Amino acid sequence: MYMMQQWKKKISWSGFVLVALLLFVGYQAVTMPKGRVRTPVYPHDGDPCTGEPIVVEYEYDGELLGPHECVVQCSQETARYILYTNGMATQCEPLPGCNDWGEDNGIMCTPPESR
C-alpha cells in the first residue's frame, strides 16, 4: 500500500511538470511574433548617412560627448544622424533605437553635402 502511494505521488508530480511545460510552450506559441523579426543593420565606417541631420554646435573629437542628441529619434520615428561643426557626422542607432550609436562607437558616416 505504501509503495502504491509513493508511485501515485511521483506520477502526480511528473504530471504537474508536464502540464506546466505544455502551458509554457503554448503561451510562447501564442505570444511570439508571426513573421520574421528583423535585426537592424548597423552602418560601417564611411557609409552614407541616412535620415535627417541633427545639427549640433560643437565639434566631434572622438570622445563620448555629453548630450544625448539622438533622443529626438525616439518620438519621431525618423532616422537621424548628428552633424558636427567640423563637418564630421555620426549615425544614430537604427530604428527603433535612439542612442548616439555612431558617436559611442567611433563610427563616422558621410553626410550628403560632402559626398
PDB file of N, CA and C in Angstrom:
ATOM      1  N   MET A   1       0.820  -1.184   0.000  1.00  0.00           N
ATOM      2  CA  MET A   1       0.000   0.000   0.000  1.00  0.00           C
ATOM      3  C   MET A   1       0.874   1.261   0.000  1.00  0.00           C
ATOM      4  N   TYR A   2       1.918   1.254   0.834  1.00  0.00           N
ATOM      5  CA  TYR A   2       2.821   2.406   0.911  1.00  0.00           C
ATOM      6  C   TYR A   2       3.499   2.649  -0.432  1.00  0.00           C
ATOM      7  N   MET A   3       3.906   1.570  -1.109  1.00  0.00           N
ATOM      8  CA  MET A   3       4.556   1.694  -2.417  1.00  0.00           C
ATOM      9  C   MET A   3       3.601   2.301  -3.440  1.00  0.00           C
ATOM     10  N   MET A   4       2.345   1.956  -3.353  1.00  0.00           N
ATOM     11  CA  MET A   4       1.353   2.483  -4.283  1.00  0.00           C
ATOM     12  C   MET A   4       1.184   3.990  -4.078  1.00  0.00           C
ATOM     13  N   GLN A   5       1.215   4.460  -2.829  1.00  0.00           N
ATOM     14  CA  GLN A   5       1.082   5.894  -2.547  1.00  0.00           C
ATOM     15  C   GLN A   5       2.301   6.654  -3.067  1.00  0.00           C
ATOM     16  N   GLN A   6       3.483   6.114  -2.883  1.00  0.00           N
ATOM     17  CA  GLN A   6       4.704   6.745  -3.386  1.00  0.00           C
ATOM     18  C   GLN A   6       4.666   6.838  -4.910  1.00  0.00           C
ATOM     19  N   TRP A   7       4.191   5.775  -5.552  1.00  0.00           N
ATOM     20  CA  TRP A   7       4.103   5.747  -7.010  1.00  0.00           C
ATOM     21  C   TRP A   7       3.124   6.804  -7.509  1.00  0.00           C
ATOM     22  N   LYS A   8       1.980   6.964  -6.827  1.00  0.00           N
ATOM     23  CA  LYS A   8       0.986   7.973  -7.205  1.00  0.00           C
ATOM     24  C   LYS A   8       1.541   9.381  -7.024  1.00  0.00           C
ATOM     25  N   LYS A   9       2.332   9.605  -5.968  1.00  0.00           N
ATOM     26  CA  LYS A   9       2.941  10.923  -5.753  1.00  0.00           C
ATOM     27  C   LYS A   9       3.902  11.262  -6.891  1.00  0.00           C
ATOM     28  N   LYS A  10       4.687  10.283  -7.314  1.00  0.00           N
ATOM     29  CA  LYS A  10       5.626  10.519  -8.406  1.00  0.00           C
ATOM     30  C   LYS A  10       4.888  10.806  -9.705  1.00  0.00           C
ATOM     31  N   ILE A  11       3.807  10.092  -9.940  1.00  0.00           N
ATOM     32  CA  ILE A  11       3.028  10.324 -11.157  1.00  0.00           C
ATOM     33  C   ILE A  11       2.392  11.706 -11.113  1.00  0.00           C
ATOM     34  N   SER A  12       1.842  12.101  -9.982  1.00  0.00           N
ATOM     35  CA  SER A  12       1.190  13.411  -9.905  1.00  0.00           C
ATOM     36  C   SER A  12       2.222  14.531 -10.062  1.00  0.00           C
ATOM     37  N   TRP A  13       3.406  14.359  -9.512  1.00  0.00           N
ATOM     38  CA  TRP A  13       4.449  15.378  -9.657  1.00  0.00           C
ATOM     39  C   TRP A  13       4.921  15.484 -11.105  1.00  0.00           C
ATOM     40  N   SER A  14       5.158  14.363 -11.740  1.00  0.00           N
ATOM     41  CA  SER A  14       5.595  14.398 -13.136  1.00  0.00           C
ATOM     42  C   SER A  14       4.472  14.916 -14.034  1.00  0.00           C
ATOM     43  N   GLY A  15       3.227  14.619 -13.705  1.00  0.00           N
ATOM     44  CA  GLY A  15       2.100  15.164 -14.459  1.00  0.00           C
ATOM     45  C   GLY A  15       2.025  16.671 -14.337  1.00  0.00           C
ATOM     46  N   PHE A  16       2.281  17.182 -13.139  1.00  0.00           N
ATOM     47  CA  PHE A  16       2.285  18.631 -12.920  1.00  0.00           C
ATOM     48  C   PHE A  16       3.380  19.298 -13.753  1.00  0.00           C
ATOM     49  N   VAL A  17       4.568  18.718 -13.760  1.00  0.00           N
ATOM     50  CA  VAL A  17       5.680  19.269 -14.540  1.00  0.00           C
ATOM     51  C   VAL A  17       5.343  19.239 -16.028  1.00  0.00           C
ATOM     52  N   LEU A  18       4.754  18.158 -16.499  1.00  0.00           N
ATOM     53  CA  LEU A  18       4.387  18.042 -17.908  1.00  0.00           C
ATOM     54  C   LEU A  18       3.336  19.081 -18.295  1.00  0.00           C
ATOM     55  N   VAL A  19       2.322  19.264 -17.461  1.00  0.00           N
ATOM     56  CA  VAL A  19       1.285  20.266 -17.741  1.00  0.00           C
ATOM     57  C   VAL A  19       1.885  21.668 -17.733  1.00  0.00           C
ATOM     58  N   ALA A  20       2.756  21.964 -16.773  1.00  0.00           N
ATOM     59  CA  ALA A  20       3.390  23.286 -16.709  1.00  0.00           C
ATOM     60  C   ALA A  20       4.235  23.535 -17.955  1.00  0.00           C
ATOM     61  N   LEU A  21       4.962  22.545 -18.399  1.00  0.00           N
ATOM     62  CA  LEU A  21       5.783  22.679 -19.602  1.00  0.00           C
ATOM     63  C   LEU A  21       4.913  22.917 -20.835  1.00  0.00           C
ATOM     64  N   LEU A  22       3.833  22.183 -20.964  1.00  0.00           N
ATOM     65  CA  LEU A  22       2.927  22.368 -22.100  1.00  0.00           C
ATOM     66  C   LEU A  22       2.272  23.748 -22.075  1.00  0.00           C
ATOM     67  N   LEU A  23       1.907  24.229 -20.898  1.00  0.00           N
ATOM     68  CA  LEU A  23       1.340  25.577 -20.789  1.00  0.00           C
ATOM     69  C   LEU A  23       2.360  26.636 -21.199  1.00  0.00           C
ATOM     70  N   PHE A  24       3.600  26.465 -20.785  1.00  0.00           N
ATOM     71  CA  PHE A  24       4.658  27.413 -21.138  1.00  0.00           C
ATOM     72  C   PHE A  24       4.887  27.440 -22.647  1.00  0.00           C
ATOM     73  N   VAL A  25       4.985  26.287 -23.263  1.00  0.00           N
ATOM     74  CA  VAL A  25       5.197  26.212 -24.712  1.00  0.00           C
ATOM     75  C   VAL A  25       3.990  26.784 -25.452  1.00  0.00           C
ATOM     76  N   GLY A  26       2.791  26.492 -24.979  1.00  0.00           N
ATOM     77  CA  GLY A  26       1.589  27.044 -25.602  1.00  0.00           C
ATOM     78  C   GLY A  26       1.532  28.555 -25.502  1.00  0.00           C
ATOM     79  N   TYR A  27       1.914  29.098 -24.349  1.00  0.00           N
ATOM     80  CA  TYR A  27       1.938  30.553 -24.163  1.00  0.00           C
ATOM     81  C   TYR A  27       2.923  31.202 -25.135  1.00  0.00           C
ATOM     82  N   GLN A  28       4.102  30.618 -25.274  1.00  0.00           N
ATOM     83  CA  GLN A  28       5.090  31.168 -26.200  1.00  0.00           C
ATOM     84  C   GLN A  28       4.616  31.081 -27.644  1.00  0.00           C
ATOM     85  N   ALA A  29       3.942  30.020 -28.002  1.00  0.00           N
ATOM     86  CA  ALA A  29       3.450  29.875 -29.372  1.00  0.00           C
ATOM     87  C   ALA A  29       2.413  30.940 -29.700  1.00  0.00           C
ATOM     88  N   VAL A  30       1.624  31.328 -28.718  1.00  0.00           N
ATOM     89  CA  VAL A  30       0.581  32.330 -28.944  1.00  0.00           C
ATOM     90  C   VAL A  30       1.155  33.745 -28.950  1.00  0.00           C
ATOM     91  N   THR A  31       2.138  34.016 -28.108  1.00  0.00           N
ATOM     92  CA  THR A  31       2.631  35.387 -27.949  1.00  0.00           C
ATOM     93  C   THR A  31       3.809  35.744 -28.843  1.00  0.00           C
ATOM     94  N   MET A  32       4.447  34.802 -29.475  1.00  0.00           N
ATOM     95  CA  MET A  32       5.595  35.105 -30.333  1.00  0.00           C
ATOM     96  C   MET A  32       5.124  35.777 -31.616  1.00  0.00           C
ATOM     97  N   PRO A  33       5.956  36.661 -32.200  1.00  0.00           N
ATOM     98  CA  PRO A  33       5.584  37.294 -33.466  1.00  0.00           C
ATOM     99  C   PRO A  33       5.406  36.251 -34.566  1.00  0.00           C
ATOM    100  N   LYS A  34       4.458  36.510 -35.435  1.00  0.00           N
ATOM    101  CA  LYS A  34       4.165  35.548 -36.506  1.00  0.00           C
ATOM    102  C   LYS A  34       5.193  35.607 -37.630  1.00  0.00           C
ATOM    103  N   GLY A  35       5.657  36.819 -37.963  1.00  0.00           N
ATOM    104  CA  GLY A  35       6.632  36.972 -39.043  1.00  0.00           C
ATOM    105  C   GLY A  35       8.048  36.909 -38.512  1.00  0.00           C
ATOM    106  N   ARG A  36       8.983  37.098 -39.414  1.00  0.00           N
ATOM    107  CA  ARG A  36      10.387  37.130 -39.018  1.00  0.00           C
ATOM    108  C   ARG A  36      10.682  38.437 -38.305  1.00  0.00           C
ATOM    109  N   VAL A  37      11.468  38.372 -37.273  1.00  0.00           N
ATOM    110  CA  VAL A  37      11.886  39.568 -36.554  1.00  0.00           C
ATOM    111  C   VAL A  37      13.154  40.076 -37.229  1.00  0.00           C
ATOM    112  N   ARG A  38      13.141  41.346 -37.626  1.00  0.00           N
ATOM    113  CA  ARG A  38      14.261  41.916 -38.376  1.00  0.00           C
ATOM    114  C   ARG A  38      15.283  42.518 -37.420  1.00  0.00           C
ATOM    115  N   THR A  39      16.518  42.132 -37.572  1.00  0.00           N
ATOM    116  CA  THR A  39      17.612  42.709 -36.812  1.00  0.00           C
ATOM    117  C   THR A  39      18.097  43.951 -37.547  1.00  0.00           C
ATOM    118  N   PRO A  40      18.249  45.088 -36.836  1.00  0.00           N
ATOM    119  CA  PRO A  40      18.698  46.300 -37.524  1.00  0.00           C
ATOM    120  C   PRO A  40      20.080  46.115 -38.146  1.00  0.00           C
ATOM    121  N   VAL A  41      20.287  46.759 -39.273  1.00  0.00           N
ATOM    122  CA  VAL A  41      21.579  46.724 -39.953  1.00  0.00           C
ATOM    123  C   VAL A  41      22.361  47.956 -39.507  1.00  0.00           C
ATOM    124  N   TYR A  42      23.464  47.733 -38.826  1.00  0.00           N
ATOM    125  CA  TYR A  42      24.284  48.839 -38.345  1.00  0.00           C
ATOM    126  C   TYR A  42      25.259  49.261 -39.436  1.00  0.00           C
ATOM    127  N   PRO A  43      25.435  50.563 -39.635  1.00  0.00           N
ATOM    128  CA  PRO A  43      26.323  51.037 -40.707  1.00  0.00           C
ATOM    129  C   PRO A  43      27.796  50.788 -40.378  1.00  0.00           C
ATOM    130  N   HIS A  44      28.595  50.809 -41.421  1.00  0.00           N
ATOM    131  CA  HIS A  44      30.047  50.692 -41.284  1.00  0.00           C
ATOM    132  C   HIS A  44      30.663  52.075 -41.407  1.00  0.00           C
ATOM    133  N   ASP A  45      31.892  52.196 -40.970  1.00  0.00           N
ATOM    134  CA  ASP A  45      32.598  53.475 -41.037  1.00  0.00           C
ATOM    135  C   ASP A  45      32.673  53.954 -42.488  1.00  0.00           C
ATOM    136  N   GLY A  46      32.226  55.186 -42.731  1.00  0.00           N
ATOM    137  CA  GLY A  46      32.280  55.774 -44.064  1.00  0.00           C
ATOM    138  C   GLY A  46      31.035  55.578 -44.908  1.00  0.00           C
ATOM    139  N   ASP A  47      30.066  54.803 -44.437  1.00  0.00           N
ATOM    140  CA  ASP A  47      28.810  54.642 -45.180  1.00  0.00           C
ATOM    141  C   ASP A  47      28.081  55.980 -45.259  1.00  0.00           C
ATOM    142  N   PRO A  48      27.225  56.159 -46.258  1.00  0.00           N
ATOM    143  CA  PRO A  48      26.441  57.399 -46.330  1.00  0.00           C
ATOM    144  C   PRO A  48      25.504  57.526 -45.129  1.00  0.00           C
ATOM    145  N   CYS A  49      25.351  58.737 -44.624  1.00  0.00           N
ATOM    146  CA  CYS A  49      24.418  58.993 -43.525  1.00  0.00           C
ATOM    147  C   CYS A  49      22.994  58.838 -44.040  1.00  0.00           C
ATOM    148  N   THR A  50      22.129  58.298 -43.221  1.00  0.00           N
ATOM    149  CA  THR A  50      20.728  58.149 -43.610  1.00  0.00           C
ATOM    150  C   THR A  50      19.847  58.951 -42.672  1.00  0.00           C
ATOM    151  N   GLY A  51      18.779  59.508 -43.233  1.00  0.00           N
ATOM    152  CA  GLY A  51      17.813  60.245 -42.430  1.00  0.00           C
ATOM    153  C   GLY A  51      18.065  61.738 -42.423  1.00  0.00           C
ATOM    154  N   GLU A  52      17.486  62.395 -41.438  1.00  0.00           N
ATOM    155  CA  GLU A  52      17.578  63.844 -41.281  1.00  0.00           C
ATOM    156  C   GLU A  52      18.738  64.197 -40.351  1.00  0.00           C
ATOM    157  N   PRO A  53      19.427  65.328 -40.601  1.00  0.00           N
ATOM    158  CA  PRO A  53      20.546  65.702 -39.723  1.00  0.00           C
ATOM    159  C   PRO A  53      20.069  66.329 -38.417  1.00  0.00           C
ATOM    160  N   ILE A  54      20.838  66.095 -37.376  1.00  0.00           N
ATOM    161  CA  ILE A  54      20.707  66.820 -36.115  1.00  0.00           C
ATOM    162  C   ILE A  54      21.956  67.694 -36.056  1.00  0.00           C
ATOM    163  N   VAL A  55      21.809  68.979 -36.303  1.00  0.00           N
ATOM    164  CA  VAL A  55      22.954  69.894 -36.353  1.00  0.00           C
ATOM    165  C   VAL A  55      23.268  70.338 -34.927  1.00  0.00           C
ATOM    166  N   VAL A  56      24.523  70.116 -34.509  1.00  0.00           N
ATOM    167  CA  VAL A  56      24.948  70.500 -33.159  1.00  0.00           C
ATOM    168  C   VAL A  56      25.992  71.605 -33.245  1.00  0.00           C
ATOM    169  N   GLU A  57      26.204  72.292 -32.154  1.00  0.00           N
ATOM    170  CA  GLU A  57      27.110  73.446 -32.110  1.00  0.00           C
ATOM    171  C   GLU A  57      28.456  73.101 -31.474  1.00  0.00           C
ATOM    172  N   TYR A  58      28.940  71.903 -31.685  1.00  0.00           N
ATOM    173  CA  TYR A  58      30.256  71.514 -31.176  1.00  0.00           C
ATOM    174  C   TYR A  58      30.894  70.547 -32.164  1.00  0.00           C
ATOM    175  N   GLU A  59      32.211  70.396 -32.042  1.00  0.00           N
ATOM    176  CA  GLU A  59      32.968  69.526 -32.945  1.00  0.00           C
ATOM    177  C   GLU A  59      32.993  68.098 -32.420  1.00  0.00           C
ATOM    178  N   TYR A  60      33.135  67.163 -33.351  1.00  0.00           N
ATOM    179  CA  TYR A  60      33.365  65.772 -32.969  1.00  0.00           C
ATOM    180  C   TYR A  60      34.855  65.615 -32.709  1.00  0.00           C
ATOM    181  N   ASP A  61      35.188  65.092 -31.530  1.00  0.00           N
ATOM    182  CA  ASP A  61      36.606  64.946 -31.195  1.00  0.00           C
ATOM    183  C   ASP A  61      36.991  63.502 -30.876  1.00  0.00           C
ATOM    184  N   GLY A  62      36.122  62.561 -31.213  1.00  0.00           N
ATOM    185  CA  GLY A  62      36.443  61.155 -30.988  1.00  0.00           C
ATOM    186  C   GLY A  62      36.127  60.655 -29.600  1.00  0.00           C
ATOM    187  N   GLU A  63      35.633  61.499 -28.746  1.00  0.00           N
ATOM    188  CA  GLU A  63      35.304  61.119 -27.373  1.00  0.00           C
ATOM    189  C   GLU A  63      33.801  60.890 -27.250  1.00  0.00           C
ATOM    190  N   LEU A  64      33.391  60.267 -26.144  1.00  0.00           N
ATOM    191  CA  LEU A  64      31.967  60.179 -25.835  1.00  0.00           C
ATOM    192  C   LEU A  64      31.530  61.562 -25.390  1.00  0.00           C
ATOM    193  N   LEU A  65      30.620  62.144 -26.132  1.00  0.00           N
ATOM    194  CA  LEU A  65      30.194  63.508 -25.850  1.00  0.00           C
ATOM    195  C   LEU A  65      28.958  63.497 -24.959  1.00  0.00           C
ATOM    196  N   GLY A  66      28.795  64.569 -24.194  1.00  0.00           N
ATOM    197  CA  GLY A  66      27.780  64.639 -23.154  1.00  0.00           C
ATOM    198  C   GLY A  66      26.331  64.484 -23.559  1.00  0.00           C
ATOM    199  N   PRO A  67      25.789  65.400 -24.345  1.00  0.00           N
ATOM    200  CA  PRO A  67      24.340  65.352 -24.559  1.00  0.00           C
ATOM    201  C   PRO A  67      23.899  64.157 -25.401  1.00  0.00           C
ATOM    202  N   HIS A  68      22.722  63.688 -25.114  1.00  0.00           N
ATOM    203  CA  HIS A  68      22.126  62.576 -25.862  1.00  0.00           C
ATOM    204  C   HIS A  68      21.317  63.177 -27.000  1.00  0.00           C
ATOM    205  N   GLU A  69      21.959  63.390 -28.135  1.00  0.00           N
ATOM    206  CA  GLU A  69      21.346  64.110 -29.255  1.00  0.00           C
ATOM    207  C   GLU A  69      20.301  63.282 -29.998  1.00  0.00           C
ATOM    208  N   CYS A  70      20.489  61.990 -30.102  1.00  0.00           N
ATOM    209  CA  CYS A  70      19.584  61.155 -30.903  1.00  0.00           C
ATOM    210  C   CYS A  70      18.265  60.850 -30.201  1.00  0.00           C
ATOM    211  N   VAL A  71      18.055  61.410 -29.021  1.00  0.00           N
ATOM    212  CA  VAL A  71      16.823  61.141 -28.280  1.00  0.00           C
ATOM    213  C   VAL A  71      15.583  61.590 -29.057  1.00  0.00           C
ATOM    214  N   VAL A  72      15.715  62.584 -29.936  1.00  0.00           N
ATOM    215  CA  VAL A  72      14.562  63.038 -30.727  1.00  0.00           C
ATOM    216  C   VAL A  72      14.066  61.936 -31.664  1.00  0.00           C
ATOM    217  N   GLN A  73      14.935  61.012 -32.025  1.00  0.00           N
ATOM    218  CA  GLN A  73      14.560  59.912 -32.909  1.00  0.00           C
ATOM    219  C   GLN A  73      13.558  58.978 -32.233  1.00  0.00           C
ATOM    220  N   CYS A  74      13.556  58.922 -30.892  1.00  0.00           N
ATOM    221  CA  CYS A  74      12.634  58.041 -30.166  1.00  0.00           C
ATOM    222  C   CYS A  74      11.180  58.397 -30.441  1.00  0.00           C
ATOM    223  N   SER A  75      10.868  59.678 -30.410  1.00  0.00           N
ATOM    224  CA  SER A  75       9.476  60.107 -30.537  1.00  0.00           C
ATOM    225  C   SER A  75       9.054  60.341 -31.982  1.00  0.00           C
ATOM    226  N   GLN A  76       9.992  60.574 -32.888  1.00  0.00           N
ATOM    227  CA  GLN A  76       9.625  60.943 -34.252  1.00  0.00           C
ATOM    228  C   GLN A  76       9.672  59.790 -35.246  1.00  0.00           C
ATOM    229  N   GLU A  77      10.285  58.664 -34.882  1.00  0.00           N
ATOM    230  CA  GLU A  77      10.367  57.504 -35.776  1.00  0.00           C
ATOM    231  C   GLU A  77      10.954  57.845 -37.149  1.00  0.00           C
ATOM    232  N   THR A  78      11.927  58.759 -37.160  1.00  0.00           N
ATOM    233  CA  THR A  78      12.631  59.141 -38.378  1.00  0.00           C
ATOM    234  C   THR A  78      14.116  58.909 -38.149  1.00  0.00           C
ATOM    235  N   ALA A  79      14.785  58.267 -39.088  1.00  0.00           N
ATOM    236  CA  ALA A  79      16.225  58.035 -38.952  1.00  0.00           C
ATOM    237  C   ALA A  79      16.952  59.378 -38.902  1.00  0.00           C
ATOM    238  N   ARG A  80      17.992  59.460 -38.093  1.00  0.00           N
ATOM    239  CA  ARG A  80      18.747  60.701 -37.907  1.00  0.00           C
ATOM    240  C   ARG A  80      20.239  60.412 -37.878  1.00  0.00           C
ATOM    241  N   TYR A  81      21.008  61.476 -38.114  1.00  0.00           N
ATOM    242  CA  TYR A  81      22.451  61.443 -37.894  1.00  0.00           C
ATOM    243  C   TYR A  81      22.853  62.778 -37.288  1.00  0.00           C
ATOM    244  N   ILE A  82      23.984  62.786 -36.569  1.00  0.00           N
ATOM    245  CA  ILE A  82      24.474  64.003 -35.920  1.00  0.00           C
ATOM    246  C   ILE A  82      25.509  64.642 -36.832  1.00  0.00           C
ATOM    247  N   LEU A  83      25.313  65.921 -37.147  1.00  0.00           N
ATOM    248  CA  LEU A  83      26.239  66.681 -37.985  1.00  0.00           C
ATOM    249  C   LEU A  83      26.949  67.694 -37.089  1.00  0.00           C
ATOM    250  N   TYR A  84      28.277  67.570 -36.982  1.00  0.00           N
ATOM    251  CA  TYR A  84      29.080  68.412 -36.098  1.00  0.00           C
ATOM    252  C   TYR A  84      29.600  69.633 -36.850  1.00  0.00           C
ATOM    253  N   THR A  85      30.085  70.636 -36.107  1.00  0.00           N
ATOM    254  CA  THR A  85      30.558  71.879 -36.729  1.00  0.00           C
ATOM    255  C   THR A  85      31.810  71.677 -37.576  1.00  0.00           C
ATOM    256  N   ASN A  86      32.584  70.629 -37.321  1.00  0.00           N
ATOM    257  CA  ASN A  86      33.783  70.390 -38.125  1.00  0.00           C
ATOM    258  C   ASN A  86      33.491  69.543 -39.365  1.00  0.00           C
ATOM    259  N   GLY A  87      32.203  69.370 -39.720  1.00  0.00           N
ATOM    260  CA  GLY A  87      31.820  68.661 -40.934  1.00  0.00           C
ATOM    261  C   GLY A  87      31.726  67.156 -40.796  1.00  0.00           C
ATOM    262  N   MET A  88      32.101  66.620 -39.651  1.00  0.00           N
ATOM    263  CA  MET A  88      32.011  65.177 -39.435  1.00  0.00           C
ATOM    264  C   MET A  88      30.579  64.825 -39.038  1.00  0.00           C
ATOM    265  N   ALA A  89      30.223  63.552 -39.212  1.00  0.00           N
ATOM    266  CA  ALA A  89      28.870  63.106 -38.874  1.00  0.00           C
ATOM    267  C   ALA A  89      28.913  61.682 -38.332  1.00  0.00           C
ATOM    268  N   THR A  90      27.999  61.393 -37.407  1.00  0.00           N
ATOM    269  CA  THR A  90      27.836  60.043 -36.872  1.00  0.00           C
ATOM    270  C   THR A  90      26.370  59.659 -36.968  1.00  0.00           C
ATOM    271  N   GLN A  91      26.120  58.402 -37.264  1.00  0.00           N
ATOM    272  CA  GLN A  91      24.754  57.903 -37.445  1.00  0.00           C
ATOM    273  C   GLN A  91      24.137  57.555 -36.098  1.00  0.00           C
ATOM    274  N   CYS A  92      22.872  57.932 -35.913  1.00  0.00           N
ATOM    275  CA  CYS A  92      22.133  57.484 -34.737  1.00  0.00           C
ATOM    276  C   CYS A  92      21.847  55.987 -34.889  1.00  0.00           C
ATOM    277  N   GLU A  93      21.535  55.350 -33.786  1.00  0.00           N
ATOM    278  CA  GLU A  93      21.211  53.925 -33.805  1.00  0.00           C
ATOM    279  C   GLU A  93      20.034  53.670 -34.749  1.00  0.00           C
ATOM    280  N   PRO A  94      20.063  52.562 -35.512  1.00  0.00           N
ATOM    281  CA  PRO A  94      18.935  52.263 -36.402  1.00  0.00           C
ATOM    282  C   PRO A  94      17.622  52.149 -35.624  1.00  0.00           C
ATOM    283  N   LEU A  95      16.537  52.570 -36.269  1.00  0.00           N
ATOM    284  CA  LEU A  95      15.210  52.483 -35.647  1.00  0.00           C
ATOM    285  C   LEU A  95      14.910  51.038 -35.296  1.00  0.00           C
ATOM    286  N   PRO A  96      14.244  50.766 -34.218  1.00  0.00           N
ATOM    287  CA  PRO A  96      13.534  51.668 -33.323  1.00  0.00           C
ATOM    288  C   PRO A  96      14.401  52.259 -32.219  1.00  0.00           C
ATOM    289  N   GLY A  97      15.713  52.010 -32.240  1.00  0.00           N
ATOM    290  CA  GLY A  97      16.602  52.556 -31.223  1.00  0.00           C
ATOM    291  C   GLY A  97      16.802  54.046 -31.390  1.00  0.00           C
ATOM    292  N   CYS A  98      17.335  54.691 -30.354  1.00  0.00           N
ATOM    293  CA  CYS A  98      17.558  56.140 -30.440  1.00  0.00           C
ATOM    294  C   CYS A  98      18.795  56.561 -29.651  1.00  0.00           C
ATOM    295  N   ASN A  99      19.808  55.718 -29.641  1.00  0.00           N
ATOM    296  CA  ASN A  99      21.057  56.065 -28.974  1.00  0.00           C
ATOM    297  C   ASN A  99      22.023  56.720 -29.956  1.00  0.00           C
ATOM    298  N   ASP A 100      23.018  57.416 -29.424  1.00  0.00           N
ATOM    299  CA  ASP A 100      24.061  58.036 -30.250  1.00  0.00           C
ATOM    300  C   ASP A 100      25.066  56.948 -30.633  1.00  0.00           C
ATOM    301  N   TRP A 101      24.625  55.994 -31.430  1.00  0.00           N
ATOM    302  CA  TRP A 101      25.388  54.782 -31.702  1.00  0.00           C
ATOM    303  C   TRP A 101      26.717  55.069 -32.386  1.00  0.00           C
ATOM    304  N   GLY A 102      26.714  55.859 -33.448  1.00  0.00           N
ATOM    305  CA  GLY A 102      27.949  56.148 -34.174  1.00  0.00           C
ATOM    306  C   GLY A 102      28.956  56.888 -33.316  1.00  0.00           C
ATOM    307  N   GLU A 103      28.471  57.856 -32.557  1.00  0.00           N
ATOM    308  CA  GLU A 103      29.335  58.631 -31.668  1.00  0.00           C
ATOM    309  C   GLU A 103      29.941  57.739 -30.593  1.00  0.00           C
ATOM    310  N   ASP A 104      29.123  56.875 -30.001  1.00  0.00           N
ATOM    311  CA  ASP A 104      29.600  55.998 -28.931  1.00  0.00           C
ATOM    312  C   ASP A 104      30.610  54.968 -29.425  1.00  0.00           C
ATOM    313  N   ASN A 105      30.499  54.564 -30.686  1.00  0.00           N
ATOM    314  CA  ASN A 105      31.373  53.523 -31.235  1.00  0.00           C
ATOM    315  C   ASN A 105      32.454  54.048 -32.166  1.00  0.00           C
ATOM    316  N   GLY A 106      32.512  55.364 -32.356  1.00  0.00           N
ATOM    317  CA  GLY A 106      33.526  55.957 -33.227  1.00  0.00           C
ATOM    318  C   GLY A 106      33.316  55.636 -34.694  1.00  0.00           C
ATOM    319  N   ILE A 107      32.079  55.405 -35.110  1.00  0.00           N
ATOM    320  CA  ILE A 107      31.752  55.077 -36.497  1.00  0.00           C
ATOM    321  C   ILE A 107      31.226  56.336 -37.179  1.00  0.00           C
ATOM    322  N   MET A 108      31.956  56.812 -38.173  1.00  0.00           N
ATOM    323  CA  MET A 108      31.572  58.028 -38.895  1.00  0.00           C
ATOM    324  C   MET A 108      30.750  57.656 -40.128  1.00  0.00           C
ATOM    325  N   CYS A 109      29.834  58.555 -40.497  1.00  0.00           N
ATOM    326  CA  CYS A 109      29.107  58.386 -41.757  1.00  0.00           C
ATOM    327  C   CYS A 109      29.382  59.605 -42.631  1.00  0.00           C
ATOM    328  N   THR A 110      29.100  59.484 -43.909  1.00  0.00           N
ATOM    329  CA  THR A 110      29.358  60.571 -44.849  1.00  0.00           C
ATOM    330  C   THR A 110      28.069  61.352 -45.079  1.00  0.00           C
ATOM    331  N   PRO A 111      28.030  62.627 -44.646  1.00  0.00           N
ATOM    332  CA  PRO A 111      26.806  63.412 -44.848  1.00  0.00           C
ATOM    333  C   PRO A 111      26.579  63.722 -46.323  1.00  0.00           C
ATOM    334  N   PRO A 112      25.331  63.973 -46.733  1.00  0.00           N
ATOM    335  CA  PRO A 112      25.016  64.186 -48.155  1.00  0.00           C
ATOM    336  C   PRO A 112      25.803  65.322 -48.806  1.00  0.00           C
ATOM    337  N   GLU A 113      26.030  66.436 -48.116  1.00  0.00           N
ATOM    338  CA  GLU A 113      26.696  67.578 -48.748  1.00  0.00           C
ATOM    339  C   GLU A 113      28.186  67.355 -48.978  1.00  0.00           C
ATOM    340  N   SER A 114      28.786  66.344 -48.359  1.00  0.00           N
ATOM    341  CA  SER A 114      30.216  66.105 -48.568  1.00  0.00           C
ATOM    342  C   SER A 114      30.471  64.879 -49.445  1.00  0.00           C
ATOM    343  N   ARG A 115      29.435  64.321 -50.050  1.00  0.00           N
ATOM    344  CA  ARG A 115      29.615  63.139 -50.915  1.00  0.00           C
ATOM    345  C   ARG A 115      30.109  63.525 -52.274  1.00  0.00           C
TER     346      ARG A 115
END
